[in-house]
Protein backbone atom coordinates (compact mmCIF):
# COMPACT_ATOMS: atom_id res chain seq x y z
CA UNK A 1 0.00 0.00 0.00
CA UNK A 2 1.25 3.49 -0.64
CA UNK A 3 2.09 5.81 2.25
CA UNK A 4 -0.97 8.07 1.91
CA UNK A 5 -3.38 5.15 2.09
CA UNK A 6 -1.52 3.62 5.03
CA UNK A 7 -1.68 6.93 6.93
CA UNK A 8 -5.43 7.19 6.24
CA UNK A 9 -5.97 3.63 7.49
CA UNK A 10 -3.93 4.36 10.65
CA UNK A 11 -5.93 7.52 11.30
CA UNK A 12 -9.21 5.65 10.85
CA UNK A 13 -8.04 2.75 13.05
CA UNK A 14 -7.08 5.08 15.90
CA UNK A 15 -10.05 7.43 15.65
CA UNK A 16 -9.76 11.18 15.26
CA UNK A 17 -11.45 14.53 15.80
CA UNK A 18 -12.70 16.67 12.96
CA UNK A 19 -13.49 20.39 13.15
CA UNK A 20 -16.37 21.68 11.03
CA UNK A 21 -17.06 25.38 10.44
CA UNK A 22 -20.40 26.63 9.13
CA UNK A 23 -20.70 30.29 8.19
CA UNK A 24 -23.86 32.22 7.27
CA UNK A 25 -23.68 35.43 5.28
CA UNK A 26 -26.30 38.08 4.62
CA UNK A 27 -26.43 41.10 2.34
CA UNK A 28 -26.22 44.24 4.47
CA UNK A 29 -26.11 47.61 2.70
CA UNK A 30 -25.23 45.90 -0.58
CA UNK A 31 -22.28 43.87 0.77
CA UNK A 32 -21.99 40.35 2.12
CA UNK A 33 -21.36 40.23 5.85
CA UNK A 34 -20.80 37.28 8.15
CA UNK A 35 -23.83 37.04 10.46
CA UNK A 36 -23.33 33.66 12.08
CA UNK A 37 -20.40 31.29 12.50
CA UNK A 38 -20.62 27.88 14.16
CA UNK A 39 -17.57 25.70 14.85
CA UNK A 40 -18.18 22.13 15.99
CA UNK A 41 -15.81 19.29 16.78
CA UNK A 42 -16.85 15.79 15.77
CA UNK A 43 -15.16 12.78 17.37
CA UNK A 44 -14.87 9.80 15.03
CA UNK A 45 -14.39 6.57 17.01
CA UNK A 46 -11.77 3.95 16.07
CA UNK A 47 -12.80 1.67 13.21
CA UNK A 48 -12.47 -2.08 13.72
CA UNK A 49 -12.06 -2.86 10.02
CA UNK A 50 -9.14 -0.44 9.67
CA UNK A 51 -7.54 -1.87 12.82
CA UNK A 52 -7.91 -5.38 11.42
CA UNK A 53 -6.21 -4.33 8.18
CA UNK A 54 -3.29 -2.92 10.14
CA UNK A 55 -3.01 -6.00 12.34
CA UNK A 56 -3.14 -8.39 9.40
CA UNK A 57 -0.53 -6.32 7.61
CA UNK A 58 0.62 -7.40 4.20
CA UNK A 59 -1.73 -10.38 3.85
CA UNK A 60 -4.58 -8.34 2.38
CA UNK A 61 -2.71 -7.61 -0.86
CA UNK A 62 -2.91 -11.20 -2.07
CA UNK A 63 -6.64 -11.74 -1.46
CA UNK A 64 -9.06 -12.01 -4.35
CA UNK A 65 -12.06 -9.69 -4.63
CA UNK A 66 -14.33 -12.46 -3.35
CA UNK A 67 -12.06 -13.12 -0.35
CA UNK A 68 -11.93 -9.40 0.45
CA UNK A 69 -15.72 -9.17 0.26
CA UNK A 70 -16.09 -12.19 2.57
CA UNK A 71 -13.61 -10.65 5.04
CA UNK A 72 -15.50 -7.36 4.91
CA UNK A 73 -18.79 -9.10 5.71
CA UNK A 74 -17.17 -11.06 8.56
CA UNK A 75 -15.74 -7.89 10.10
CA UNK A 76 -19.07 -6.06 9.79
CA UNK A 77 -20.83 -8.92 11.60
CA UNK A 78 -18.14 -8.90 14.30
CA UNK A 79 -18.40 -5.13 14.73
CA UNK A 80 -22.22 -5.28 14.94
CA UNK A 81 -22.10 -7.96 17.64
CA UNK A 82 -19.46 -6.01 19.58
CA UNK A 83 -21.55 -2.83 19.43
CA UNK A 84 -24.65 -4.75 20.52
CA UNK A 85 -22.86 -6.11 23.60
CA UNK A 86 -21.55 -2.63 24.46
CA UNK A 87 -25.10 -1.21 24.49
CA UNK A 88 -26.60 -3.93 26.71
CA UNK A 89 -27.04 -2.98 30.40
CA UNK A 90 -24.54 -4.69 32.65
PDB file of N, CA and C in Angstrom:
ATOM      1  N   UNK A   1       0.852  -1.187   0.000  1.00  0.00           N
ATOM      2  CA  UNK A   1       0.000   0.000   0.000  1.00  0.00           C
ATOM      3  C   UNK A   1       0.889   1.238   0.000  1.00  0.00           C
ATOM      4  N   UNK A   2       0.427   2.294  -0.665  1.00  0.00           N
ATOM      5  CA  UNK A   2       1.254   3.492  -0.641  1.00  0.00           C
ATOM      6  C   UNK A   2       1.106   4.216   0.694  1.00  0.00           C
ATOM      7  N   UNK A   3       2.013   5.147   0.944  1.00  0.00           N
ATOM      8  CA  UNK A   3       2.093   5.809   2.250  1.00  0.00           C
ATOM      9  C   UNK A   3       0.841   6.600   2.606  1.00  0.00           C
ATOM     10  N   UNK A   4       0.230   7.273   1.630  1.00  0.00           N
ATOM     11  CA  UNK A   4      -0.968   8.068   1.911  1.00  0.00           C
ATOM     12  C   UNK A   4      -2.122   7.187   2.372  1.00  0.00           C
ATOM     13  N   UNK A   5      -2.299   6.063   1.711  1.00  0.00           N
ATOM     14  CA  UNK A   5      -3.384   5.150   2.087  1.00  0.00           C
ATOM     15  C   UNK A   5      -3.114   4.571   3.466  1.00  0.00           C
ATOM     16  N   UNK A   6      -1.871   4.193   3.733  1.00  0.00           N
ATOM     17  CA  UNK A   6      -1.524   3.617   5.029  1.00  0.00           C
ATOM     18  C   UNK A   6      -1.785   4.630   6.149  1.00  0.00           C
ATOM     19  N   UNK A   7      -1.436   5.885   5.924  1.00  0.00           N
ATOM     20  CA  UNK A   7      -1.683   6.927   6.929  1.00  0.00           C
ATOM     21  C   UNK A   7      -3.180   7.109   7.162  1.00  0.00           C
ATOM     22  N   UNK A   8      -3.972   7.064   6.105  1.00  0.00           N
ATOM     23  CA  UNK A   8      -5.427   7.193   6.241  1.00  0.00           C
ATOM     24  C   UNK A   8      -6.006   6.012   7.026  1.00  0.00           C
ATOM     25  N   UNK A   9      -5.506   4.815   6.769  1.00  0.00           N
ATOM     26  CA  UNK A   9      -5.974   3.631   7.494  1.00  0.00           C
ATOM     27  C   UNK A   9      -5.593   3.738   8.964  1.00  0.00           C
ATOM     28  N   UNK A  10      -4.369   4.193   9.254  1.00  0.00           N
ATOM     29  CA  UNK A  10      -3.929   4.358  10.646  1.00  0.00           C
ATOM     30  C   UNK A  10      -4.804   5.373  11.373  1.00  0.00           C
ATOM     31  N   UNK A  11      -5.094   6.488  10.700  1.00  0.00           N
ATOM     32  CA  UNK A  11      -5.930   7.521  11.301  1.00  0.00           C
ATOM     33  C   UNK A  11      -7.316   6.966  11.619  1.00  0.00           C
ATOM     34  N   UNK A  12      -7.879   6.237  10.669  1.00  0.00           N
ATOM     35  CA  UNK A  12      -9.209   5.647  10.848  1.00  0.00           C
ATOM     36  C   UNK A  12      -9.204   4.593  11.961  1.00  0.00           C
ATOM     37  N   UNK A  13      -8.137   3.798  12.031  1.00  0.00           N
ATOM     38  CA  UNK A  13      -8.043   2.748  13.050  1.00  0.00           C
ATOM     39  C   UNK A  13      -7.929   3.328  14.455  1.00  0.00           C
ATOM     40  N   UNK A  14      -7.286   4.473  14.590  1.00  0.00           N
ATOM     41  CA  UNK A  14      -7.083   5.078  15.903  1.00  0.00           C
ATOM     42  C   UNK A  14      -8.223   5.998  16.319  1.00  0.00           C
ATOM     43  N   UNK A  15      -9.017   6.450  15.359  1.00  0.00           N
ATOM     44  CA  UNK A  15     -10.051   7.431  15.650  1.00  0.00           C
ATOM     45  C   UNK A  15      -9.430   8.817  15.580  1.00  0.00           C
ATOM     46  N   UNK A  16     -10.272   9.815  15.394  1.00  0.00           N
ATOM     47  CA  UNK A  16      -9.760  11.178  15.261  1.00  0.00           C
ATOM     48  C   UNK A  16     -10.870  12.181  15.522  1.00  0.00           C
ATOM     49  N   UNK A  17     -10.488  13.440  15.651  1.00  0.00           N
ATOM     50  CA  UNK A  17     -11.450  14.530  15.803  1.00  0.00           C
ATOM     51  C   UNK A  17     -11.417  15.375  14.540  1.00  0.00           C
ATOM     52  N   UNK A  18     -12.580  15.855  14.151  1.00  0.00           N
ATOM     53  CA  UNK A  18     -12.705  16.671  12.955  1.00  0.00           C
ATOM     54  C   UNK A  18     -13.412  17.969  13.330  1.00  0.00           C
ATOM     55  N   UNK A  19     -12.880  19.093  12.867  1.00  0.00           N
ATOM     56  CA  UNK A  19     -13.495  20.389  13.153  1.00  0.00           C
ATOM     57  C   UNK A  19     -14.257  20.846  11.911  1.00  0.00           C
ATOM     58  N   UNK A  20     -15.519  21.229  12.126  1.00  0.00           N
ATOM     59  CA  UNK A  20     -16.366  21.684  11.028  1.00  0.00           C
ATOM     60  C   UNK A  20     -16.805  23.124  11.305  1.00  0.00           C
ATOM     61  N   UNK A  21     -16.661  23.986  10.306  1.00  0.00           N
ATOM     62  CA  UNK A  21     -17.059  25.380  10.437  1.00  0.00           C
ATOM     63  C   UNK A  21     -18.179  25.670   9.442  1.00  0.00           C
ATOM     64  N   UNK A  22     -19.271  26.235   9.960  1.00  0.00           N
ATOM     65  CA  UNK A  22     -20.402  26.628   9.126  1.00  0.00           C
ATOM     66  C   UNK A  22     -20.579  28.133   9.287  1.00  0.00           C
ATOM     67  N   UNK A  23     -20.566  28.838   8.160  1.00  0.00           N
ATOM     68  CA  UNK A  23     -20.703  30.288   8.188  1.00  0.00           C
ATOM     69  C   UNK A  23     -21.933  30.715   7.400  1.00  0.00           C
ATOM     70  N   UNK A  24     -22.697  31.672   7.951  1.00  0.00           N
ATOM     71  CA  UNK A  24     -23.858  32.224   7.267  1.00  0.00           C
ATOM     72  C   UNK A  24     -23.589  33.688   6.951  1.00  0.00           C
ATOM     73  N   UNK A  25     -23.877  34.054   5.714  1.00  0.00           N
ATOM     74  CA  UNK A  25     -23.675  35.427   5.275  1.00  0.00           C
ATOM     75  C   UNK A  25     -25.017  36.030   4.889  1.00  0.00           C
ATOM     76  N   UNK A  26     -25.100  37.357   5.028  1.00  0.00           N
ATOM     77  CA  UNK A  26     -26.300  38.082   4.624  1.00  0.00           C
ATOM     78  C   UNK A  26     -25.851  39.358   3.908  1.00  0.00           C
ATOM     79  N   UNK A  27     -26.709  39.849   3.034  1.00  0.00           N
ATOM     80  CA  UNK A  27     -26.429  41.099   2.337  1.00  0.00           C
ATOM     81  C   UNK A  27     -26.881  42.245   3.229  1.00  0.00           C
ATOM     82  N   UNK A  28     -25.922  43.080   3.622  1.00  0.00           N
ATOM     83  CA  UNK A  28     -26.217  44.239   4.466  1.00  0.00           C
ATOM     84  C   UNK A  28     -25.645  45.460   3.752  1.00  0.00           C
ATOM     85  N   UNK A  29     -26.518  46.389   3.422  1.00  0.00           N
ATOM     86  CA  UNK A  29     -26.107  47.606   2.698  1.00  0.00           C
ATOM     87  C   UNK A  29     -25.360  47.275   1.409  1.00  0.00           C
ATOM     88  N   UNK A  30     -25.803  46.252   0.705  1.00  0.00           N
ATOM     89  CA  UNK A  30     -25.225  45.901  -0.578  1.00  0.00           C
ATOM     90  C   UNK A  30     -23.954  45.073  -0.526  1.00  0.00           C
ATOM     91  N   UNK A  31     -23.485  44.706   0.661  1.00  0.00           N
ATOM     92  CA  UNK A  31     -22.281  43.870   0.769  1.00  0.00           C
ATOM     93  C   UNK A  31     -22.587  42.634   1.599  1.00  0.00           C
ATOM     94  N   UNK A  32     -21.836  41.581   1.336  1.00  0.00           N
ATOM     95  CA  UNK A  32     -21.989  40.353   2.123  1.00  0.00           C
ATOM     96  C   UNK A  32     -21.265  40.505   3.453  1.00  0.00           C
ATOM     97  N   UNK A  33     -21.962  40.185   4.524  1.00  0.00           N
ATOM     98  CA  UNK A  33     -21.359  40.229   5.853  1.00  0.00           C
ATOM     99  C   UNK A  33     -21.638  38.922   6.577  1.00  0.00           C
ATOM    100  N   UNK A  34     -20.664  38.493   7.337  1.00  0.00           N
ATOM    101  CA  UNK A  34     -20.804  37.285   8.154  1.00  0.00           C
ATOM    102  C   UNK A  34     -21.758  37.586   9.296  1.00  0.00           C
ATOM    103  N   UNK A  35     -22.852  36.807   9.392  1.00  0.00           N
ATOM    104  CA  UNK A  35     -23.830  37.044  10.456  1.00  0.00           C
ATOM    105  C   UNK A  35     -23.819  35.942  11.510  1.00  0.00           C
ATOM    106  N   UNK A  36     -23.355  34.760  11.125  1.00  0.00           N
ATOM    107  CA  UNK A  36     -23.334  33.660  12.084  1.00  0.00           C
ATOM    108  C   UNK A  36     -22.208  32.702  11.707  1.00  0.00           C
ATOM    109  N   UNK A  37     -21.474  32.259  12.719  1.00  0.00           N
ATOM    110  CA  UNK A  37     -20.400  31.292  12.502  1.00  0.00           C
ATOM    111  C   UNK A  37     -20.492  30.245  13.608  1.00  0.00           C
ATOM    112  N   UNK A  38     -20.528  28.975  13.194  1.00  0.00           N
ATOM    113  CA  UNK A  38     -20.617  27.881  14.161  1.00  0.00           C
ATOM    114  C   UNK A  38     -19.466  26.913  13.902  1.00  0.00           C
ATOM    115  N   UNK A  39     -18.681  26.638  14.941  1.00  0.00           N
ATOM    116  CA  UNK A  39     -17.569  25.704  14.849  1.00  0.00           C
ATOM    117  C   UNK A  39     -17.882  24.525  15.765  1.00  0.00           C
ATOM    118  N   UNK A  40     -17.898  23.329  15.199  1.00  0.00           N
ATOM    119  CA  UNK A  40     -18.176  22.132  15.994  1.00  0.00           C
ATOM    120  C   UNK A  40     -17.041  21.128  15.808  1.00  0.00           C
ATOM    121  N   UNK A  41     -16.808  20.342  16.835  1.00  0.00           N
ATOM    122  CA  UNK A  41     -15.807  19.289  16.784  1.00  0.00           C
ATOM    123  C   UNK A  41     -16.530  17.950  16.824  1.00  0.00           C
ATOM    124  N   UNK A  42     -16.227  17.105  15.865  1.00  0.00           N
ATOM    125  CA  UNK A  42     -16.846  15.794  15.773  1.00  0.00           C
ATOM    126  C   UNK A  42     -15.787  14.736  16.079  1.00  0.00           C
ATOM    127  N   UNK A  43     -16.063  13.879  17.050  1.00  0.00           N
ATOM    128  CA  UNK A  43     -15.155  12.781  17.370  1.00  0.00           C
ATOM    129  C   UNK A  43     -15.569  11.550  16.584  1.00  0.00           C
ATOM    130  N   UNK A  44     -14.637  11.016  15.808  1.00  0.00           N
ATOM    131  CA  UNK A  44     -14.871   9.802  15.030  1.00  0.00           C
ATOM    132  C   UNK A  44     -14.201   8.655  15.780  1.00  0.00           C
ATOM    133  N   UNK A  45     -14.976   7.651  16.218  1.00  0.00           N
ATOM    134  CA  UNK A  45     -14.394   6.569  17.006  1.00  0.00           C
ATOM    135  C   UNK A  45     -13.491   5.671  16.158  1.00  0.00           C
ATOM    136  N   UNK A  46     -12.624   4.895  16.815  1.00  0.00           N
ATOM    137  CA  UNK A  46     -11.775   3.949  16.074  1.00  0.00           C
ATOM    138  C   UNK A  46     -12.619   2.971  15.265  1.00  0.00           C
ATOM    139  N   UNK A  47     -12.095   2.570  14.115  1.00  0.00           N
ATOM    140  CA  UNK A  47     -12.801   1.672  13.211  1.00  0.00           C
ATOM    141  C   UNK A  47     -12.162   0.293  13.262  1.00  0.00           C
ATOM    142  N   UNK A  48     -12.967  -0.718  13.577  1.00  0.00           N
ATOM    143  CA  UNK A  48     -12.470  -2.083  13.723  1.00  0.00           C
ATOM    144  C   UNK A  48     -11.904  -2.649  12.417  1.00  0.00           C
ATOM    145  N   UNK A  49     -12.523  -2.339  11.303  1.00  0.00           N
ATOM    146  CA  UNK A  49     -12.055  -2.856  10.023  1.00  0.00           C
ATOM    147  C   UNK A  49     -10.665  -2.319   9.701  1.00  0.00           C
ATOM    148  N   UNK A  50     -10.453  -1.034   9.930  1.00  0.00           N
ATOM    149  CA  UNK A  50      -9.143  -0.441   9.675  1.00  0.00           C
ATOM    150  C   UNK A  50      -8.092  -1.039  10.616  1.00  0.00           C
ATOM    151  N   UNK A  51      -8.468  -1.257  11.868  1.00  0.00           N
ATOM    152  CA  UNK A  51      -7.538  -1.869  12.817  1.00  0.00           C
ATOM    153  C   UNK A  51      -7.173  -3.280  12.373  1.00  0.00           C
ATOM    154  N   UNK A  52      -8.148  -4.013  11.889  1.00  0.00           N
ATOM    155  CA  UNK A  52      -7.907  -5.381  11.417  1.00  0.00           C
ATOM    156  C   UNK A  52      -6.946  -5.375  10.227  1.00  0.00           C
ATOM    157  N   UNK A  53      -7.110  -4.431   9.333  1.00  0.00           N
ATOM    158  CA  UNK A  53      -6.214  -4.330   8.175  1.00  0.00           C
ATOM    159  C   UNK A  53      -4.785  -4.086   8.648  1.00  0.00           C
ATOM    160  N   UNK A  54      -4.623  -3.193   9.625  1.00  0.00           N
ATOM    161  CA  UNK A  54      -3.286  -2.915  10.143  1.00  0.00           C
ATOM    162  C   UNK A  54      -2.691  -4.131  10.839  1.00  0.00           C
ATOM    163  N   UNK A  55      -3.510  -4.832  11.612  1.00  0.00           N
ATOM    164  CA  UNK A  55      -3.006  -6.000  12.340  1.00  0.00           C
ATOM    165  C   UNK A  55      -2.645  -7.146  11.402  1.00  0.00           C
ATOM    166  N   UNK A  56      -3.421  -7.320  10.349  1.00  0.00           N
ATOM    167  CA  UNK A  56      -3.140  -8.387   9.398  1.00  0.00           C
ATOM    168  C   UNK A  56      -1.964  -8.044   8.499  1.00  0.00           C
ATOM    169  N   UNK A  57      -1.696  -6.759   8.359  1.00  0.00           N
ATOM    170  CA  UNK A  57      -0.528  -6.317   7.609  1.00  0.00           C
ATOM    171  C   UNK A  57      -0.592  -6.615   6.133  1.00  0.00           C
ATOM    172  N   UNK A  58       0.440  -7.212   5.632  1.00  0.00           N
ATOM    173  CA  UNK A  58       0.623  -7.401   4.204  1.00  0.00           C
ATOM    174  C   UNK A  58      -0.297  -8.456   3.591  1.00  0.00           C
ATOM    175  N   UNK A  59      -0.937  -9.272   4.364  1.00  0.00           N
ATOM    176  CA  UNK A  59      -1.729 -10.375   3.848  1.00  0.00           C
ATOM    177  C   UNK A  59      -2.900  -9.974   2.968  1.00  0.00           C
ATOM    178  N   UNK A  60      -3.410  -8.781   3.133  1.00  0.00           N
ATOM    179  CA  UNK A  60      -4.579  -8.337   2.379  1.00  0.00           C
ATOM    180  C   UNK A  60      -4.289  -8.148   0.892  1.00  0.00           C
ATOM    181  N   UNK A  61      -3.044  -7.890   0.536  1.00  0.00           N
ATOM    182  CA  UNK A  61      -2.709  -7.609  -0.859  1.00  0.00           C
ATOM    183  C   UNK A  61      -2.920  -8.806  -1.777  1.00  0.00           C
ATOM    184  N   UNK A  62      -2.839 -10.005  -1.235  1.00  0.00           N
ATOM    185  CA  UNK A  62      -2.910 -11.199  -2.072  1.00  0.00           C
ATOM    186  C   UNK A  62      -4.320 -11.782  -2.158  1.00  0.00           C
ATOM    187  N   UNK A  63      -5.286 -11.205  -1.445  1.00  0.00           N
ATOM    188  CA  UNK A  63      -6.643 -11.742  -1.459  1.00  0.00           C
ATOM    189  C   UNK A  63      -7.356 -11.386  -2.754  1.00  0.00           C
ATOM    190  N   UNK A  64      -8.227 -12.288  -3.184  1.00  0.00           N
ATOM    191  CA  UNK A  64      -9.059 -12.009  -4.353  1.00  0.00           C
ATOM    192  C   UNK A  64     -10.198 -11.082  -3.942  1.00  0.00           C
ATOM    193  N   UNK A  65     -10.919 -10.558  -4.922  1.00  0.00           N
ATOM    194  CA  UNK A  65     -12.059  -9.688  -4.628  1.00  0.00           C
ATOM    195  C   UNK A  65     -13.108 -10.412  -3.797  1.00  0.00           C
ATOM    196  N   UNK A  66     -13.342 -11.683  -4.106  1.00  0.00           N
ATOM    197  CA  UNK A  66     -14.331 -12.462  -3.353  1.00  0.00           C
ATOM    198  C   UNK A  66     -13.880 -12.661  -1.909  1.00  0.00           C
ATOM    199  N   UNK A  67     -12.581 -12.932  -1.711  1.00  0.00           N
ATOM    200  CA  UNK A  67     -12.063 -13.122  -0.351  1.00  0.00           C
ATOM    201  C   UNK A  67     -12.131 -11.813   0.433  1.00  0.00           C
ATOM    202  N   UNK A  68     -11.829 -10.701  -0.218  1.00  0.00           N
ATOM    203  CA  UNK A  68     -11.928  -9.404   0.447  1.00  0.00           C
ATOM    204  C   UNK A  68     -13.369  -9.098   0.841  1.00  0.00           C
ATOM    205  N   UNK A  69     -14.305  -9.405  -0.040  1.00  0.00           N
ATOM    206  CA  UNK A  69     -15.724  -9.172   0.257  1.00  0.00           C
ATOM    207  C   UNK A  69     -16.174 -10.035   1.435  1.00  0.00           C
ATOM    208  N   UNK A  70     -15.750 -11.298   1.463  1.00  0.00           N
ATOM    209  CA  UNK A  70     -16.093 -12.190   2.571  1.00  0.00           C
ATOM    210  C   UNK A  70     -15.498 -11.672   3.880  1.00  0.00           C
ATOM    211  N   UNK A  71     -14.260 -11.197   3.842  1.00  0.00           N
ATOM    212  CA  UNK A  71     -13.612 -10.651   5.035  1.00  0.00           C
ATOM    213  C   UNK A  71     -14.327  -9.391   5.508  1.00  0.00           C
ATOM    214  N   UNK A  72     -14.748  -8.562   4.577  1.00  0.00           N
ATOM    215  CA  UNK A  72     -15.498  -7.356   4.912  1.00  0.00           C
ATOM    216  C   UNK A  72     -16.794  -7.720   5.634  1.00  0.00           C
ATOM    217  N   UNK A  73     -17.526  -8.672   5.089  1.00  0.00           N
ATOM    218  CA  UNK A  73     -18.788  -9.096   5.705  1.00  0.00           C
ATOM    219  C   UNK A  73     -18.551  -9.675   7.101  1.00  0.00           C
ATOM    220  N   UNK A  74     -17.504 -10.475   7.260  1.00  0.00           N
ATOM    221  CA  UNK A  74     -17.173 -11.063   8.561  1.00  0.00           C
ATOM    222  C   UNK A  74     -16.878  -9.964   9.593  1.00  0.00           C
ATOM    223  N   UNK A  75     -16.089  -8.973   9.180  1.00  0.00           N
ATOM    224  CA  UNK A  75     -15.736  -7.894  10.095  1.00  0.00           C
ATOM    225  C   UNK A  75     -16.944  -7.033  10.455  1.00  0.00           C
ATOM    226  N   UNK A  76     -17.846  -6.817   9.505  1.00  0.00           N
ATOM    227  CA  UNK A  76     -19.066  -6.061   9.790  1.00  0.00           C
ATOM    228  C   UNK A  76     -19.909  -6.801  10.815  1.00  0.00           C
ATOM    229  N   UNK A  77     -20.067  -8.125  10.632  1.00  0.00           N
ATOM    230  CA  UNK A  77     -20.834  -8.916  11.605  1.00  0.00           C
ATOM    231  C   UNK A  77     -20.185  -8.851  12.986  1.00  0.00           C
ATOM    232  N   UNK A  78     -18.868  -8.955  13.033  1.00  0.00           N
ATOM    233  CA  UNK A  78     -18.138  -8.898  14.300  1.00  0.00           C
ATOM    234  C   UNK A  78     -18.320  -7.534  14.970  1.00  0.00           C
ATOM    235  N   UNK A  79     -18.232  -6.473  14.196  1.00  0.00           N
ATOM    236  CA  UNK A  79     -18.405  -5.132  14.729  1.00  0.00           C
ATOM    237  C   UNK A  79     -19.825  -4.934  15.249  1.00  0.00           C
ATOM    238  N   UNK A  80     -20.815  -5.418  14.508  1.00  0.00           N
ATOM    239  CA  UNK A  80     -22.218  -5.284  14.935  1.00  0.00           C
ATOM    240  C   UNK A  80     -22.455  -6.020  16.251  1.00  0.00           C
ATOM    241  N   UNK A  81     -21.903  -7.218  16.400  1.00  0.00           N
ATOM    242  CA  UNK A  81     -22.101  -7.963  17.642  1.00  0.00           C
ATOM    243  C   UNK A  81     -21.366  -7.297  18.799  1.00  0.00           C
ATOM    244  N   UNK A  82     -20.211  -6.719  18.537  1.00  0.00           N
ATOM    245  CA  UNK A  82     -19.464  -6.009  19.576  1.00  0.00           C
ATOM    246  C   UNK A  82     -20.222  -4.771  20.021  1.00  0.00           C
ATOM    247  N   UNK A  83     -20.778  -4.020  19.086  1.00  0.00           N
ATOM    248  CA  UNK A  83     -21.552  -2.831  19.426  1.00  0.00           C
ATOM    249  C   UNK A  83     -22.806  -3.205  20.196  1.00  0.00           C
ATOM    250  N   UNK A  84     -23.436  -4.303  19.826  1.00  0.00           N
ATOM    251  CA  UNK A  84     -24.647  -4.748  20.518  1.00  0.00           C
ATOM    252  C   UNK A  84     -24.356  -5.095  21.981  1.00  0.00           C
ATOM    253  N   UNK A  85     -23.242  -5.770  22.228  1.00  0.00           N
ATOM    254  CA  UNK A  85     -22.864  -6.111  23.605  1.00  0.00           C
ATOM    255  C   UNK A  85     -22.521  -4.864  24.404  1.00  0.00           C
ATOM    256  N   UNK A  86     -21.935  -3.860  23.765  1.00  0.00           N
ATOM    257  CA  UNK A  86     -21.554  -2.634  24.463  1.00  0.00           C
ATOM    258  C   UNK A  86     -22.782  -1.847  24.908  1.00  0.00           C
ATOM    259  N   UNK A  87     -23.890  -1.967  24.183  1.00  0.00           N
ATOM    260  CA  UNK A  87     -25.099  -1.211  24.493  1.00  0.00           C
ATOM    261  C   UNK A  87     -25.978  -1.900  25.525  1.00  0.00           C
ATOM    262  N   UNK A  88     -25.767  -3.202  25.752  1.00  0.00           N
ATOM    263  CA  UNK A  88     -26.605  -3.927  26.706  1.00  0.00           C
ATOM    264  C   UNK A  88     -26.269  -3.504  28.125  1.00  0.00           C
ATOM    265  N   UNK A  89     -27.302  -3.346  28.978  1.00  0.00           N
ATOM    266  CA  UNK A  89     -27.037  -2.980  30.397  1.00  0.00           C
ATOM    267  C   UNK A  89     -26.284  -4.105  31.085  1.00  0.00           C
ATOM    268  N   UNK A  90     -25.353  -3.719  31.913  1.00  0.00           N
ATOM    269  CA  UNK A  90     -24.543  -4.693  32.647  1.00  0.00           C
ATOM    270  C   UNK A  90     -25.211  -5.136  33.917  1.00  0.00           C
TER     271      UNK A  90
END
